Amino acid sequence: RNPGDTVIGDPSGADAEPAPGPEPTAARLVAPLVVREEVIGIVELCDKLGGAFSEADATLLESAAAAAAIAVQNARLFDQVRADRGRLQVLSRQLVEVQENERLAVARELHDDAGQALASLKISLRLLEREAGDRPAVVARVAELKRTADGVLENLHRLASNLRPA
């Protein structure tokens, strides 16, 4: 017999095992559940009243077994999709967490390093402004540089704030 064959027979045969239960079985019909040429289970019908199964019964059982095999395979695939979706959600959360940590690190670096350098530049410009005294051209140029530094500092602060995760 081939693994996918439906069996019609008397359980008293040499290769047959009686169906479990308290009463002997007069006849039984067994069909495999096959998915992609792999047997994943069986369907068994037992007749305890002494009747026999016909070829039409076997054909009907084969059709039912094929439908049941598809249902079992679909259930397995659905469970696999659900598990994969759960893993995808975990990975997505981890990715967002890594991105937020990276943004926070970049924001801190921008704020601390570049912010301190610009603040130091502004202090130096104030000192230069005081030293320039009455030279209007130098005072005007220093004032322009201070405004530029203020604008860069504001943009840097805004950028750092936007990078920080909520």
Protein backbone atom coordinates (compact mmCIF):
# COMPACT_ATOMS: atom_id res chain seq x y z
CA ARG A 1 0.00 0.00 0.00
CA ASN A 2 1.07 3.59 -0.65
CA PRO A 3 1.03 6.16 2.19
CA GLY A 4 -1.82 8.09 0.56
CA ASP A 5 -4.12 5.10 -0.09
CA THR A 6 -7.51 4.75 1.56
CA VAL A 7 -7.96 1.39 3.25
CA ILE A 8 -11.20 -0.60 3.32
CA GLY A 9 -11.01 -3.70 5.38
CA ASP A 10 -11.77 -6.05 8.19
CA PRO A 11 -9.77 -5.31 11.34
CA SER A 12 -9.14 -9.00 11.85
CA GLY A 13 -6.60 -8.90 8.99
CA ALA A 14 -2.94 -9.53 9.75
CA ASP A 15 -1.79 -5.95 9.18
CA ALA A 16 -4.79 -4.19 10.75
CA GLU A 17 -5.07 -2.97 14.32
CA PRO A 18 -8.49 -2.90 15.96
CA ALA A 19 -9.92 0.52 16.70
CA PRO A 20 -9.66 1.53 20.35
CA GLY A 21 -12.77 1.05 22.42
CA PRO A 22 -14.65 -1.55 24.38
CA GLU A 23 -16.46 -3.18 21.42
CA PRO A 24 -14.85 -4.96 18.47
CA THR A 25 -15.20 -3.29 15.09
CA ALA A 26 -16.80 -5.18 12.20
CA ALA A 27 -15.34 -2.94 9.48
CA ARG A 28 -13.30 0.20 9.26
CA LEU A 29 -12.31 2.74 6.67
CA VAL A 30 -9.08 4.75 6.98
CA ALA A 31 -7.95 7.69 4.86
CA PRO A 32 -4.75 9.72 5.26
CA LEU A 33 -4.65 13.49 5.71
CA VAL A 34 -2.10 14.49 3.06
CA VAL A 35 -0.59 17.94 2.56
CA ARG A 36 2.03 18.40 -0.17
CA GLU A 37 2.64 14.68 -0.41
CA GLU A 38 3.19 14.40 3.36
CA VAL A 39 0.86 12.41 5.61
CA ILE A 40 0.01 14.63 8.59
CA GLY A 41 -2.66 12.38 10.14
CA ILE A 42 -5.47 9.95 9.44
CA VAL A 43 -9.25 9.82 9.50
CA GLU A 44 -10.81 6.53 10.54
CA LEU A 45 -14.44 5.37 10.32
CA CYS A 46 -15.51 2.27 12.24
CA ASP A 47 -18.69 0.22 11.79
CA LYS A 48 -19.55 -1.75 14.91
CA LEU A 49 -22.89 -2.99 13.58
CA GLY A 50 -21.47 -5.51 11.13
CA GLY A 51 -21.88 -3.49 7.95
CA ALA A 52 -19.27 -2.99 5.26
CA PHE A 53 -17.91 0.11 3.54
CA SER A 54 -18.25 0.59 -0.19
CA GLU A 55 -15.99 2.25 -2.74
CA ALA A 56 -18.38 5.21 -2.68
CA ASP A 57 -17.83 5.47 1.08
CA ALA A 58 -14.08 5.40 0.47
CA THR A 59 -14.36 8.15 -2.16
CA LEU A 60 -16.46 10.26 0.18
CA LEU A 61 -13.97 9.75 3.03
CA GLU A 62 -11.06 10.65 0.75
CA SER A 63 -12.79 13.91 -0.17
CA ALA A 64 -13.51 14.69 3.49
CA ALA A 65 -9.90 13.82 4.42
CA ALA A 66 -8.56 16.13 1.69
CA ALA A 67 -10.72 18.98 2.98
CA ALA A 68 -9.69 18.26 6.58
CA ALA A 69 -6.01 18.20 5.58
CA ILE A 70 -6.39 21.63 3.97
CA ALA A 71 -8.14 22.94 7.09
CA VAL A 72 -5.37 21.58 9.33
CA GLN A 73 -2.69 23.09 7.08
CA ASN A 74 -4.51 26.45 7.00
CA ALA A 75 -4.71 26.44 10.81
CA ARG A 76 -0.99 25.71 11.02
CA LEU A 77 -0.21 28.50 8.55
CA PHE A 78 -2.47 30.90 10.45
CA ASP A 79 -0.62 30.11 13.68
CA GLN A 80 2.70 30.63 11.91
CA VAL A 81 1.56 34.00 10.52
CA ARG A 82 0.37 35.05 13.98
CA ALA A 83 3.72 34.06 15.52
CA ASP A 84 5.62 35.85 12.74
CA ARG A 85 3.48 38.95 13.22
CA GLY A 86 4.32 38.91 16.93
CA ARG A 87 8.04 38.64 16.14
CA LEU A 88 7.71 41.50 13.65
CA GLN A 89 6.05 43.69 16.28
CA VAL A 90 8.87 42.93 18.75
CA LEU A 91 11.49 43.79 16.12
CA SER A 92 9.63 46.99 15.20
CA ARG A 93 9.57 48.08 18.85
CA GLN A 94 13.28 47.32 19.16
CA LEU A 95 14.02 49.33 16.01
CA VAL A 96 12.06 52.33 17.30
CA GLU A 97 13.89 52.09 20.62
CA VAL A 98 17.29 52.00 18.90
CA GLN A 99 16.32 54.97 16.72
CA GLU A 100 15.13 56.96 19.73
CA ASN A 101 18.35 56.22 21.62
CA GLU A 102 20.39 57.28 18.59
CA ARG A 103 18.42 60.53 18.23
CA LEU A 104 18.87 61.25 21.92
CA ALA A 105 22.63 60.70 21.64
CA VAL A 106 22.86 62.97 18.57
CA ALA A 107 20.74 65.64 20.27
CA ARG A 108 22.96 65.57 23.37
CA GLU A 109 26.09 65.78 21.26
CA LEU A 110 24.72 68.69 19.24
CA HIS A 111 23.55 70.51 22.33
CA ASP A 112 26.65 69.89 24.41
CA ASP A 113 29.53 70.15 21.94
CA ALA A 114 28.32 72.62 19.31
CA GLY A 115 26.24 74.58 21.82
CA GLN A 116 29.23 75.09 24.10
CA ALA A 117 31.42 76.12 21.17
CA LEU A 118 28.86 78.72 20.04
CA ALA A 119 28.41 80.04 23.59
CA SER A 120 32.17 80.42 23.86
CA LEU A 121 32.21 82.26 20.52
CA LYS A 122 29.54 84.68 21.76
CA ILE A 123 31.56 85.41 24.91
CA SER A 124 34.66 86.05 22.81
CA LEU A 125 32.67 88.38 20.54
CA ARG A 126 31.48 90.39 23.57
CA LEU A 127 35.06 90.75 24.76
CA LEU A 128 36.15 91.83 21.28
CA GLU A 129 33.30 94.36 21.20
CA ARG A 130 34.52 95.89 24.46
CA GLU A 131 38.11 96.01 23.24
CA ALA A 132 37.09 97.63 19.94
CA GLY A 133 36.03 100.74 21.79
CA ASP A 134 35.20 103.56 19.38
CA ARG A 135 35.84 101.78 16.13
CA PRO A 136 32.34 101.70 14.63
CA ALA A 137 33.21 99.32 11.79
CA VAL A 138 34.56 96.70 14.20
CA VAL A 139 31.63 97.15 16.59
CA ALA A 140 29.16 96.72 13.69
CA ARG A 141 30.96 93.61 12.44
CA VAL A 142 31.01 92.09 15.94
CA ALA A 143 27.29 92.81 16.38
CA GLU A 144 26.60 91.07 13.06
CA LEU A 145 28.66 88.05 14.11
CA LYS A 146 26.81 87.89 17.44
CA ARG A 147 23.47 87.86 15.63
CA THR A 148 24.71 85.09 13.36
CA ALA A 149 25.93 83.09 16.36
CA ASP A 150 22.56 83.64 18.11
CA GLY A 151 20.71 82.38 15.02
CA VAL A 152 22.92 79.31 14.73
CA LEU A 153 22.51 78.61 18.45
CA GLU A 154 18.70 78.89 18.18
CA ASN A 155 18.63 76.57 15.14
CA LEU A 156 20.90 74.12 16.93
CA HIS A 157 18.67 74.15 20.00
CA ARG A 158 15.56 73.60 17.83
CA LEU A 159 17.25 70.75 15.95
CA ALA A 160 18.36 69.09 19.19
CA SER A 161 14.85 69.43 20.63
CA ASN A 162 13.30 67.90 17.51
CA LEU A 163 15.68 64.95 17.67
CA ARG A 164 14.82 64.07 21.25
CA PRO A 165 12.19 61.32 21.48
CA ALA A 166 8.95 62.15 23.22
